[in-house]
N, C-alpha and C. Protein backbone atom coordinates (compact mmCIF):
# COMPACT_ATOMS: atom_id res chain seq x y z
N MET A 1 22.55 86.95 192.27
CA MET A 1 21.24 87.84 191.93
C MET A 1 20.31 87.73 193.09
N LEU A 2 19.25 88.72 193.29
CA LEU A 2 18.23 88.40 194.70
C LEU A 2 17.19 87.35 194.07
N THR A 3 17.07 86.77 195.06
CA THR A 3 16.38 85.49 195.56
C THR A 3 15.40 85.72 196.51
N VAL A 4 14.10 85.33 195.73
CA VAL A 4 12.51 85.72 195.96
C VAL A 4 11.78 84.22 196.32
N TYR A 5 11.65 84.27 197.40
CA TYR A 5 11.27 82.64 197.94
C TYR A 5 9.38 83.12 198.21
N GLY A 6 8.29 82.72 198.00
CA GLY A 6 7.44 83.43 197.82
C GLY A 6 6.44 81.96 197.20
N ASP A 7 5.14 83.01 198.06
CA ASP A 7 3.86 81.36 197.28
C ASP A 7 3.16 82.21 196.70
N ILE A 8 2.65 82.32 195.51
CA ILE A 8 2.04 82.77 194.31
C ILE A 8 0.39 83.12 194.86
N ARG A 9 0.04 82.26 195.65
CA ARG A 9 -1.05 82.20 196.23
C ARG A 9 -1.01 83.41 197.04
N SER A 10 -0.33 83.80 197.87
CA SER A 10 -0.03 85.28 199.04
C SER A 10 -0.11 86.48 198.07
N GLY A 11 -1.10 87.40 198.38
CA GLY A 11 -0.88 88.55 198.81
C GLY A 11 0.43 89.54 199.17
N ASN A 12 0.63 89.01 200.36
CA ASN A 12 2.06 89.12 200.91
C ASN A 12 3.15 89.03 200.03
N CYS A 13 3.66 88.25 199.41
CA CYS A 13 4.32 87.21 198.52
C CYS A 13 4.48 88.17 197.38
N LEU A 14 2.47 88.31 196.33
CA LEU A 14 2.72 89.06 195.42
C LEU A 14 3.13 90.40 195.66
N LYS A 15 2.87 91.06 196.21
CA LYS A 15 3.51 92.91 196.42
C LYS A 15 4.53 92.90 196.02
N VAL A 16 5.68 91.60 196.44
CA VAL A 16 7.44 92.28 196.71
C VAL A 16 7.28 91.97 195.03
N LYS A 17 6.72 90.73 194.69
CA LYS A 17 7.12 90.41 193.07
C LYS A 17 6.41 91.70 192.37
N TRP A 18 5.34 92.56 192.56
CA TRP A 18 4.91 93.67 191.74
C TRP A 18 6.12 94.92 192.07
N LEU A 19 6.58 94.75 193.38
CA LEU A 19 7.70 95.88 193.66
C LEU A 19 8.40 95.45 192.19
N LEU A 20 8.85 94.55 192.84
CA LEU A 20 10.50 94.34 192.14
C LEU A 20 10.60 94.24 190.04
N GLU A 21 9.31 93.60 189.81
CA GLU A 21 8.43 94.29 188.75
C GLU A 21 8.42 95.35 188.32
N TRP A 22 7.54 96.25 189.07
CA TRP A 22 7.69 98.13 188.55
C TRP A 22 9.16 98.18 188.44
N LEU A 23 10.04 97.93 189.51
CA LEU A 23 11.20 98.13 189.68
C LEU A 23 12.49 98.28 188.35
N GLY A 24 11.99 97.06 187.77
CA GLY A 24 12.60 96.56 186.47
C GLY A 24 13.78 95.79 187.55
N ARG A 25 13.62 94.91 188.60
CA ARG A 25 14.47 94.17 189.03
C ARG A 25 15.04 93.18 188.67
N ASP A 26 16.15 92.74 188.26
CA ASP A 26 16.12 90.42 188.34
C ASP A 26 16.30 90.39 189.46
N TYR A 27 15.57 88.99 189.48
CA TYR A 27 15.07 88.48 190.36
C TYR A 27 14.69 86.93 190.47
N HIS A 28 15.58 85.74 191.40
CA HIS A 28 14.97 84.48 190.82
C HIS A 28 14.18 84.44 191.84
N TRP A 29 12.75 83.40 191.10
CA TRP A 29 11.78 83.36 192.13
C TRP A 29 12.00 81.78 192.46
N ILE A 30 11.71 81.66 194.01
CA ILE A 30 11.22 80.32 194.19
C ILE A 30 10.28 80.15 195.21
N GLU A 31 9.27 78.71 194.10
CA GLU A 31 7.91 78.82 194.51
C GLU A 31 8.27 77.96 195.84
N THR A 32 7.25 78.64 197.08
CA THR A 32 7.45 78.29 198.08
C THR A 32 6.16 77.70 198.39
N ASP A 33 5.64 76.16 198.62
CA ASP A 33 4.08 76.35 198.98
C ASP A 33 4.09 76.22 200.35
N VAL A 34 3.67 77.14 200.70
CA VAL A 34 3.58 76.90 202.69
C VAL A 34 2.41 76.17 203.25
N THR A 35 2.00 75.79 202.44
CA THR A 35 0.90 73.97 202.87
C THR A 35 2.20 73.05 202.93
N SER A 36 3.07 73.16 202.59
CA SER A 36 3.46 71.40 202.11
C SER A 36 4.82 71.26 203.46
N GLY A 37 5.01 72.29 204.42
CA GLY A 37 5.95 72.32 205.33
C GLY A 37 7.25 72.58 205.15
N VAL A 38 7.65 73.06 203.54
CA VAL A 38 8.58 72.97 203.21
C VAL A 38 9.80 74.75 204.24
N THR A 39 8.48 75.71 204.94
CA THR A 39 9.01 76.86 205.21
C THR A 39 9.53 76.19 207.10
N ARG A 40 9.44 74.67 206.92
CA ARG A 40 9.95 73.98 208.65
C ARG A 40 10.73 73.60 208.18
N SER A 41 11.63 73.93 207.21
CA SER A 41 12.68 72.86 207.01
C SER A 41 13.74 73.55 207.81
N PRO A 42 14.74 72.38 208.08
CA PRO A 42 15.42 73.43 208.78
C PRO A 42 16.63 73.61 207.87
N GLN A 43 16.60 73.87 206.74
CA GLN A 43 17.47 74.47 205.49
C GLN A 43 16.55 76.14 205.15
N PHE A 44 15.16 76.18 205.37
CA PHE A 44 14.72 77.65 205.16
C PHE A 44 14.52 78.20 206.57
N LEU A 45 14.47 77.27 207.71
CA LEU A 45 14.54 77.95 209.59
C LEU A 45 16.11 79.08 209.14
N ALA A 46 16.78 78.48 208.86
CA ALA A 46 18.18 78.46 209.05
C ALA A 46 18.53 80.13 208.52
N LEU A 47 17.65 80.33 207.10
CA LEU A 47 17.57 81.44 206.89
C LEU A 47 16.68 82.80 207.21
N ASN A 48 15.30 82.22 207.97
CA ASN A 48 13.96 82.69 208.59
C ASN A 48 13.65 82.01 209.58
N PRO A 49 13.95 82.35 210.16
CA PRO A 49 13.68 81.10 211.65
C PRO A 49 12.15 81.48 211.79
N ALA A 50 11.91 82.81 211.52
CA ALA A 50 9.90 82.47 211.53
C ALA A 50 9.10 81.41 210.81
N GLY A 51 10.00 81.31 209.74
CA GLY A 51 9.60 80.16 208.91
C GLY A 51 8.57 80.67 208.47
N GLN A 52 8.38 81.88 207.05
CA GLN A 52 7.18 82.14 206.82
C GLN A 52 7.55 82.95 205.40
N THR A 53 7.25 83.57 204.13
CA THR A 53 7.34 83.93 202.93
C THR A 53 6.57 85.47 203.05
N PRO A 54 6.10 85.58 202.66
CA PRO A 54 8.00 86.37 201.40
C PRO A 54 9.40 86.42 202.07
N MET A 55 10.64 85.68 201.50
CA MET A 55 11.71 86.41 202.60
C MET A 55 12.74 85.91 200.76
N VAL A 56 13.32 87.14 200.86
CA VAL A 56 14.67 87.61 199.93
C VAL A 56 15.44 87.42 200.84
N VAL A 57 16.71 86.68 199.94
CA VAL A 57 17.82 86.93 199.79
C VAL A 57 18.50 87.52 199.01
N LEU A 58 19.58 88.80 199.64
CA LEU A 58 20.34 90.08 198.55
C LEU A 58 21.16 89.78 197.90
N GLU A 59 21.59 89.55 196.90
CA GLU A 59 22.89 89.65 196.08
C GLU A 59 23.88 89.22 197.17
N ASP A 60 24.36 89.67 197.74
CA ASP A 60 25.47 89.74 198.69
C ASP A 60 24.86 88.55 199.95
N GLY A 61 24.09 87.53 199.64
CA GLY A 61 23.86 86.30 200.54
C GLY A 61 22.66 87.02 201.91
N ARG A 62 22.19 88.13 202.36
CA ARG A 62 21.98 88.42 203.51
C ARG A 62 20.53 88.32 203.47
N PRO A 63 19.72 87.40 204.22
CA PRO A 63 17.98 86.85 203.91
C PRO A 63 17.87 88.65 205.15
N LEU A 64 16.32 88.45 203.99
CA LEU A 64 15.06 89.11 204.36
C LEU A 64 13.73 89.10 204.34
N ALA A 65 12.99 89.08 205.83
CA ALA A 65 12.05 88.89 205.34
C ALA A 65 10.61 89.43 205.97
N GLN A 66 9.91 89.09 205.69
CA GLN A 66 8.45 90.22 206.16
C GLN A 66 8.21 91.19 204.92
N SER A 67 6.88 90.99 204.73
CA SER A 67 6.50 91.56 202.73
C SER A 67 7.02 93.27 203.18
N ASN A 68 6.78 94.08 204.02
CA ASN A 68 6.51 95.39 204.36
C ASN A 68 8.25 95.69 203.89
N ALA A 69 8.78 95.11 205.24
CA ALA A 69 9.65 95.17 205.50
C ALA A 69 11.29 95.49 203.62
N ILE A 70 10.37 93.81 203.20
CA ILE A 70 10.87 93.94 202.16
C ILE A 70 10.70 94.77 201.19
N LEU A 71 9.37 95.44 201.44
CA LEU A 71 8.93 96.64 200.56
C LEU A 71 9.69 97.80 200.64
N VAL A 72 9.70 97.81 202.13
CA VAL A 72 10.70 99.09 202.20
C VAL A 72 12.19 99.49 201.92
N HIS A 73 12.89 97.72 201.95
CA HIS A 73 14.06 98.38 201.88
C HIS A 73 14.22 98.72 200.26
N MET A 74 13.30 97.89 198.94
CA MET A 74 13.43 97.82 197.55
C MET A 74 13.19 98.90 197.00
N GLY A 75 12.30 99.97 198.51
CA GLY A 75 11.75 101.34 197.59
C GLY A 75 12.51 102.28 198.04
N GLU A 76 13.57 102.17 198.88
CA GLU A 76 14.65 102.79 199.15
C GLU A 76 14.76 103.77 197.59
N GLY A 77 14.89 105.30 198.04
CA GLY A 77 15.53 105.37 196.99
C GLY A 77 14.17 105.95 195.89
N THR A 78 13.54 105.57 195.72
CA THR A 78 12.52 105.93 195.00
C THR A 78 11.20 106.79 195.30
N ALA A 79 9.94 107.05 194.64
CA ALA A 79 9.56 108.01 194.74
C ALA A 79 8.05 107.15 195.25
N LEU A 80 7.65 105.72 195.88
CA LEU A 80 7.44 105.46 196.46
C LEU A 80 7.35 105.46 197.66
N ILE A 81 8.21 106.12 198.52
CA ILE A 81 8.81 106.48 199.71
C ILE A 81 8.80 108.14 199.38
N SER A 82 7.89 108.59 199.67
CA SER A 82 7.85 110.20 199.73
C SER A 82 9.16 111.13 200.85
N ALA A 83 9.74 111.47 199.85
CA ALA A 83 10.55 112.60 200.86
C ALA A 83 10.15 113.72 202.42
N ASP A 84 9.09 113.99 201.57
CA ASP A 84 8.33 114.84 203.07
C ASP A 84 7.76 113.61 204.34
N PRO A 85 8.55 114.21 205.10
CA PRO A 85 8.22 113.06 206.56
C PRO A 85 7.18 113.14 207.34
N TYR A 86 6.36 113.65 206.79
CA TYR A 86 4.45 113.37 207.17
C TYR A 86 4.55 112.10 206.85
N ASP A 87 4.01 112.95 205.01
CA ASP A 87 3.77 111.27 204.23
C ASP A 87 4.49 109.85 204.64
N ARG A 88 5.93 110.54 204.93
CA ARG A 88 6.66 108.99 204.92
C ARG A 88 5.85 107.71 206.07
N ALA A 89 5.86 108.81 206.98
CA ALA A 89 4.89 108.38 208.64
C ALA A 89 4.00 108.01 208.13
N ARG A 90 3.25 108.54 207.34
CA ARG A 90 1.80 108.54 207.24
C ARG A 90 1.77 106.78 206.55
N MET A 91 2.93 106.88 205.27
CA MET A 91 3.23 105.25 204.38
C MET A 91 3.25 104.24 205.77
N PHE A 92 3.66 104.35 206.32
CA PHE A 92 4.10 103.38 207.60
C PHE A 92 3.38 103.40 208.56
N GLU A 93 2.01 104.28 208.98
CA GLU A 93 1.54 104.24 209.20
C GLU A 93 0.16 102.97 209.35
N TRP A 94 0.23 102.87 207.66
CA TRP A 94 -0.54 102.76 206.98
C TRP A 94 0.19 101.54 206.66
N LEU A 95 0.90 101.44 206.67
CA LEU A 95 1.92 99.68 206.26
C LEU A 95 2.07 98.25 207.81
N PHE A 96 2.00 99.26 208.79
CA PHE A 96 2.04 98.93 209.83
C PHE A 96 0.17 98.05 209.99
N TRP A 97 -1.10 99.85 210.15
CA TRP A 97 -1.82 99.07 210.61
C TRP A 97 -2.09 97.64 209.19
N GLU A 98 -1.91 97.59 207.71
CA GLU A 98 -1.92 96.87 206.88
C GLU A 98 -1.80 95.39 208.00
N GLN A 99 -0.72 94.81 208.27
CA GLN A 99 -0.64 93.80 209.03
C GLN A 99 -1.23 93.31 210.16
N TYR A 100 -1.70 94.24 211.26
CA TYR A 100 -2.24 94.27 212.49
C TYR A 100 -3.63 94.21 212.23
N SER A 101 -4.27 95.03 211.42
CA SER A 101 -5.59 95.62 211.38
C SER A 101 -6.13 94.68 209.80
N HIS A 102 -5.67 94.52 208.52
CA HIS A 102 -6.50 94.66 207.66
C HIS A 102 -6.02 92.94 207.13
N GLU A 103 -4.58 92.16 207.01
CA GLU A 103 -4.24 91.44 206.64
C GLU A 103 -4.85 89.74 207.95
N PRO A 104 -4.50 89.66 208.90
CA PRO A 104 -5.31 89.11 209.84
C PRO A 104 -6.68 88.50 209.57
N CYS A 105 -7.34 89.65 209.19
CA CYS A 105 -8.71 89.59 208.37
C CYS A 105 -9.08 89.27 207.08
N ILE A 106 -9.12 89.90 206.74
CA ILE A 106 -8.71 90.43 204.84
C ILE A 106 -8.35 88.69 204.52
N ALA A 107 -6.92 88.49 204.91
CA ALA A 107 -5.83 87.51 203.95
C ALA A 107 -6.52 86.23 204.66
N VAL A 108 -6.72 85.88 205.88
CA VAL A 108 -6.61 84.87 206.61
C VAL A 108 -8.21 84.00 206.36
N VAL A 109 -9.58 84.87 206.10
CA VAL A 109 -10.69 84.38 205.86
C VAL A 109 -10.09 84.19 204.32
N ARG A 110 -9.78 84.85 203.62
CA ARG A 110 -9.36 84.18 202.04
C ARG A 110 -9.18 83.17 202.08
N PHE A 111 -8.17 82.91 202.58
CA PHE A 111 -7.32 81.65 202.57
C PHE A 111 -8.63 80.55 203.29
N GLN A 112 -8.67 80.68 204.29
CA GLN A 112 -9.42 79.69 204.49
C GLN A 112 -10.37 79.26 203.93
N ARG A 113 -11.24 80.49 202.99
CA ARG A 113 -12.63 80.11 201.95
C ARG A 113 -11.59 79.53 200.38
N ALA A 114 -10.88 80.25 200.11
CA ALA A 114 -10.29 79.89 198.44
C ALA A 114 -9.19 79.19 198.35
N ILE A 115 -8.01 78.75 199.47
CA ILE A 115 -7.40 77.89 199.49
C ILE A 115 -7.72 76.89 200.58
N ALA A 116 -7.53 77.00 201.60
CA ALA A 116 -8.32 75.78 202.16
C ALA A 116 -9.48 74.91 201.89
N GLY A 117 -10.61 75.62 201.50
CA GLY A 117 -11.85 75.05 200.82
C GLY A 117 -13.27 74.80 202.55
N ARG A 118 -12.75 75.75 203.23
CA ARG A 118 -14.11 75.81 203.97
C ARG A 118 -15.36 76.26 204.00
N ALA A 119 -16.40 75.85 204.97
CA ALA A 119 -17.50 76.78 204.16
C ALA A 119 -17.32 78.01 205.21
N ALA A 120 -18.57 78.83 204.13
CA ALA A 120 -18.54 79.89 204.97
C ALA A 120 -19.06 79.94 206.07
N GLU A 121 -19.64 78.90 206.53
CA GLU A 121 -20.20 78.87 207.92
C GLU A 121 -19.72 78.58 209.17
N ASP A 122 -18.37 78.00 208.35
CA ASP A 122 -16.83 77.82 209.34
C ASP A 122 -16.13 78.03 209.49
N ILE A 123 -16.06 79.69 209.16
CA ILE A 123 -16.11 80.82 209.53
C ILE A 123 -16.13 81.67 210.68
N ASP A 124 -15.13 82.09 211.77
CA ASP A 124 -15.27 82.93 212.63
C ASP A 124 -15.80 83.75 212.27
N PRO A 125 -17.10 84.00 212.54
CA PRO A 125 -17.92 85.69 212.73
C PRO A 125 -16.89 86.99 212.58
N ARG A 126 -16.50 86.78 214.07
CA ARG A 126 -15.53 87.80 214.18
C ARG A 126 -14.62 88.28 212.95
N LEU A 127 -14.06 87.09 212.62
CA LEU A 127 -12.77 87.82 211.37
C LEU A 127 -13.67 88.17 209.99
N ILE A 128 -15.12 87.91 210.19
CA ILE A 128 -15.72 88.85 209.18
C ILE A 128 -16.10 90.68 209.16
N GLU A 129 -16.54 90.09 210.93
CA GLU A 129 -16.83 91.97 211.24
C GLU A 129 -15.05 92.38 211.24
N LYS A 130 -13.79 92.30 211.26
CA LYS A 130 -13.10 92.81 211.76
C LYS A 130 -12.50 92.79 210.32
N GLY A 131 -12.59 92.21 209.67
CA GLY A 131 -12.32 92.54 207.84
C GLY A 131 -13.69 93.77 207.07
N TYR A 132 -14.46 93.90 207.32
CA TYR A 132 -15.18 94.71 207.47
C TYR A 132 -15.50 95.93 207.96
N ALA A 133 -14.48 95.91 208.82
CA ALA A 133 -14.41 97.33 209.91
C ALA A 133 -12.98 97.50 209.52
N ALA A 134 -12.02 96.55 208.38
CA ALA A 134 -10.66 97.15 207.74
C ALA A 134 -11.04 97.96 206.26
N LEU A 135 -12.22 97.10 205.55
CA LEU A 135 -12.16 97.54 204.89
C LEU A 135 -13.15 99.35 204.42
N ALA A 136 -13.90 99.39 205.87
CA ALA A 136 -14.37 100.63 205.88
C ALA A 136 -13.49 101.83 206.21
N ARG A 137 -12.23 101.47 206.97
CA ARG A 137 -11.25 102.18 207.36
C ARG A 137 -10.88 103.03 205.78
N LEU A 138 -10.29 101.68 205.46
CA LEU A 138 -9.86 102.38 203.52
C LEU A 138 -10.88 102.93 203.26
N GLU A 139 -12.24 103.03 203.31
CA GLU A 139 -12.61 103.41 202.93
C GLU A 139 -12.79 105.10 203.17
N ALA A 140 -12.59 104.90 204.19
CA ALA A 140 -13.33 106.47 205.43
C ALA A 140 -11.50 107.29 204.87
N GLY A 141 -10.36 106.53 204.62
CA GLY A 141 -9.01 106.81 204.91
C GLY A 141 -9.13 107.51 203.01
N LEU A 142 -9.71 107.34 202.27
CA LEU A 142 -9.28 107.51 200.81
C LEU A 142 -10.33 108.56 200.33
N GLU A 143 -11.38 108.95 201.48
CA GLU A 143 -12.14 110.07 201.07
C GLU A 143 -11.12 111.59 200.79
N GLY A 144 -11.81 111.53 200.08
CA GLY A 144 -11.25 112.89 199.14
C GLY A 144 -10.00 113.21 198.54
N ARG A 145 -9.30 111.31 198.26
CA ARG A 145 -7.80 111.87 198.32
C ARG A 145 -7.75 110.53 196.83
N ASP A 146 -6.54 110.75 196.07
CA ASP A 146 -7.01 109.07 195.64
C ASP A 146 -5.89 108.17 195.92
N TRP A 147 -5.19 108.47 196.77
CA TRP A 147 -3.84 107.35 197.44
C TRP A 147 -4.12 108.01 198.82
N LEU A 148 -3.34 106.24 199.56
CA LEU A 148 -3.33 106.49 201.05
C LEU A 148 -2.59 107.56 201.88
N ALA A 149 -1.27 107.45 201.14
CA ALA A 149 -0.34 108.53 202.22
C ALA A 149 0.12 109.44 200.81
N GLY A 150 -0.21 111.03 201.26
CA GLY A 150 0.15 112.02 200.01
C GLY A 150 -0.39 111.76 198.84
N GLU A 151 0.32 112.76 198.18
CA GLU A 151 -0.47 112.94 196.49
C GLU A 151 -0.32 111.83 195.94
N ALA A 152 0.66 111.00 195.78
CA ALA A 152 0.63 110.22 194.97
C ALA A 152 1.49 108.36 195.35
N VAL A 153 0.99 107.81 194.51
CA VAL A 153 0.88 106.39 194.80
C VAL A 153 2.31 106.30 195.65
N SER A 154 2.15 104.68 196.89
CA SER A 154 3.54 104.73 197.94
C SER A 154 3.07 103.22 198.26
N LEU A 155 4.31 102.98 198.55
CA LEU A 155 4.36 101.20 200.00
C LEU A 155 3.25 100.99 200.47
N ALA A 156 2.35 102.08 200.69
CA ALA A 156 1.55 102.00 201.20
C ALA A 156 -0.13 101.38 200.27
N ASP A 157 -0.18 102.07 199.14
CA ASP A 157 -1.23 101.10 198.49
C ASP A 157 -0.82 100.05 197.87
N LEU A 158 0.46 99.84 197.73
CA LEU A 158 0.52 98.22 196.83
C LEU A 158 0.58 97.46 198.31
N ALA A 159 1.34 97.74 199.23
CA ALA A 159 0.91 96.43 200.12
C ALA A 159 -0.97 96.39 200.66
N LEU A 160 -1.04 97.46 200.55
CA LEU A 160 -3.19 97.17 201.26
C LEU A 160 -3.61 97.05 199.72
N VAL A 161 -3.36 97.17 198.72
CA VAL A 161 -3.67 96.57 197.34
C VAL A 161 -3.96 94.98 197.58
N ALA A 162 -3.02 94.61 197.89
CA ALA A 162 -2.65 93.02 197.10
C ALA A 162 -4.05 91.92 198.00
N TYR A 163 -4.26 92.08 199.13
CA TYR A 163 -5.27 91.34 199.73
C TYR A 163 -6.77 92.07 199.52
N THR A 164 -6.64 93.53 199.41
CA THR A 164 -7.91 93.63 199.04
C THR A 164 -8.44 93.91 197.55
N ARG A 165 -7.44 93.13 196.47
CA ARG A 165 -8.33 93.33 195.28
C ARG A 165 -8.22 92.33 194.95
N VAL A 166 -8.23 90.84 196.08
CA VAL A 166 -8.79 89.46 196.20
C VAL A 166 -10.07 89.50 197.43
N ALA A 167 -10.07 90.75 198.15
CA ALA A 167 -11.50 90.32 199.32
C ALA A 167 -12.33 89.82 199.03
N HIS A 168 -12.65 89.39 197.51
CA HIS A 168 -14.26 88.64 196.90
C HIS A 168 -13.55 86.93 197.22
N GLU A 169 -12.39 86.73 197.01
CA GLU A 169 -12.27 85.29 196.86
C GLU A 169 -12.85 84.92 198.87
N GLY A 170 -12.79 85.52 199.67
CA GLY A 170 -13.01 85.36 201.17
C GLY A 170 -14.72 85.58 201.56
N ASP A 171 -15.14 85.94 200.23
CA ASP A 171 -16.86 86.34 200.10
C ASP A 171 -16.95 87.52 200.64
N PHE A 172 -15.75 88.65 200.87
CA PHE A 172 -16.04 89.73 201.45
C PHE A 172 -16.55 90.64 200.33
N ASP A 173 -17.54 91.70 200.47
CA ASP A 173 -18.53 92.62 199.32
C ASP A 173 -17.86 93.51 199.60
N LEU A 174 -17.21 94.54 198.05
CA LEU A 174 -17.02 96.07 197.89
C LEU A 174 -18.02 96.53 197.42
N ALA A 175 -19.08 96.42 197.09
CA ALA A 175 -20.59 97.11 196.86
C ALA A 175 -20.55 98.08 197.76
N ALA A 176 -19.84 98.04 199.11
CA ALA A 176 -20.50 99.50 199.60
C ALA A 176 -19.56 99.66 199.74
N TYR A 177 -18.17 99.76 199.29
CA TYR A 177 -17.16 100.83 198.99
C TYR A 177 -16.64 101.69 198.23
N PRO A 178 -17.37 102.44 197.27
CA PRO A 178 -16.62 102.24 196.21
C PRO A 178 -15.49 103.76 196.00
N LYS A 179 -14.84 104.07 196.82
CA LYS A 179 -13.82 104.88 196.48
C LYS A 179 -12.82 103.48 197.16
N VAL A 180 -12.38 102.51 197.69
CA VAL A 180 -11.99 101.64 197.96
C VAL A 180 -11.67 100.63 196.06
N ARG A 181 -13.00 100.73 195.65
CA ARG A 181 -13.26 99.77 194.33
C ARG A 181 -12.08 100.48 193.38
N ALA A 182 -12.65 102.01 193.18
CA ALA A 182 -11.82 102.75 192.87
C ALA A 182 -10.06 102.98 192.66
N TRP A 183 -9.89 103.05 193.68
CA TRP A 183 -8.17 102.99 194.59
C TRP A 183 -7.67 101.74 194.27
N VAL A 184 -8.48 100.62 194.00
CA VAL A 184 -8.04 99.13 193.47
C VAL A 184 -7.84 99.51 192.34
N GLY A 185 -8.19 99.59 191.42
CA GLY A 185 -8.11 100.41 189.91
C GLY A 185 -7.43 100.73 189.71
N ARG A 186 -6.89 102.40 190.53
CA ARG A 186 -5.93 102.80 190.33
C ARG A 186 -4.35 102.28 190.25
N VAL A 187 -4.50 101.64 192.09
CA VAL A 187 -3.60 101.10 192.42
C VAL A 187 -2.46 99.64 191.35
N GLU A 188 -3.80 99.01 190.86
CA GLU A 188 -3.43 98.16 189.62
C GLU A 188 -2.72 98.42 188.20
N GLN A 189 -3.49 99.77 187.88
CA GLN A 189 -2.95 100.55 186.93
C GLN A 189 -1.77 101.21 187.26
N ALA A 190 -1.43 101.61 188.30
CA ALA A 190 -0.13 102.46 188.74
C ALA A 190 1.39 101.45 188.41
N PHE A 191 0.84 99.62 189.40
CA PHE A 191 1.55 98.76 189.44
C PHE A 191 2.06 97.87 187.77
N GLY A 192 0.90 98.10 187.02
CA GLY A 192 0.54 96.84 185.93
C GLY A 192 0.45 95.44 186.85
N ILE A 193 -0.21 95.87 187.61
CA ILE A 193 -1.48 94.32 188.07
C ILE A 193 -2.05 93.61 186.90
N ARG A 194 -2.47 92.81 186.76
CA ARG A 194 -3.46 92.01 186.14
C ARG A 194 -4.13 91.31 186.94
């Protein structure tokens, strides 16, 4: 059976869980508290030298890490990856941007505030600024469209909703982003996210 090592507090881990549930795949979830040091154990590092979650161990024993790589692997052959080359490339564009320009701000601030318990005044203001720039980019990307890449929901939407939907836990106010708020609702409905 497919095994997933994930921390349920992590949007990167949740997006893998949501996809597997949407696909109706059987899997074994191993709760992996990233703050406990378990991802730095020799056993974990033997499977994933980066020492990060999520990580899956496929049915044949091969490990695969990095949330968006896992999404693409699991999403192959589904409608979540467009057959249209341009729409597929746009999906990848958003997946790469999510890990480079969105997650490092929104997710980091959320972690510091909601999980590590840091005070708002102790958060690097540049992270807040970059987080709001990411939200503005999402808002612009949704102009005149329901989904980020093409005419249907894709892995890009799933990847980006994970931390956007909980941005308020990092004190990001989505009030100025009506397209983003409506899109979050559409993506949650499409994947049955509660």
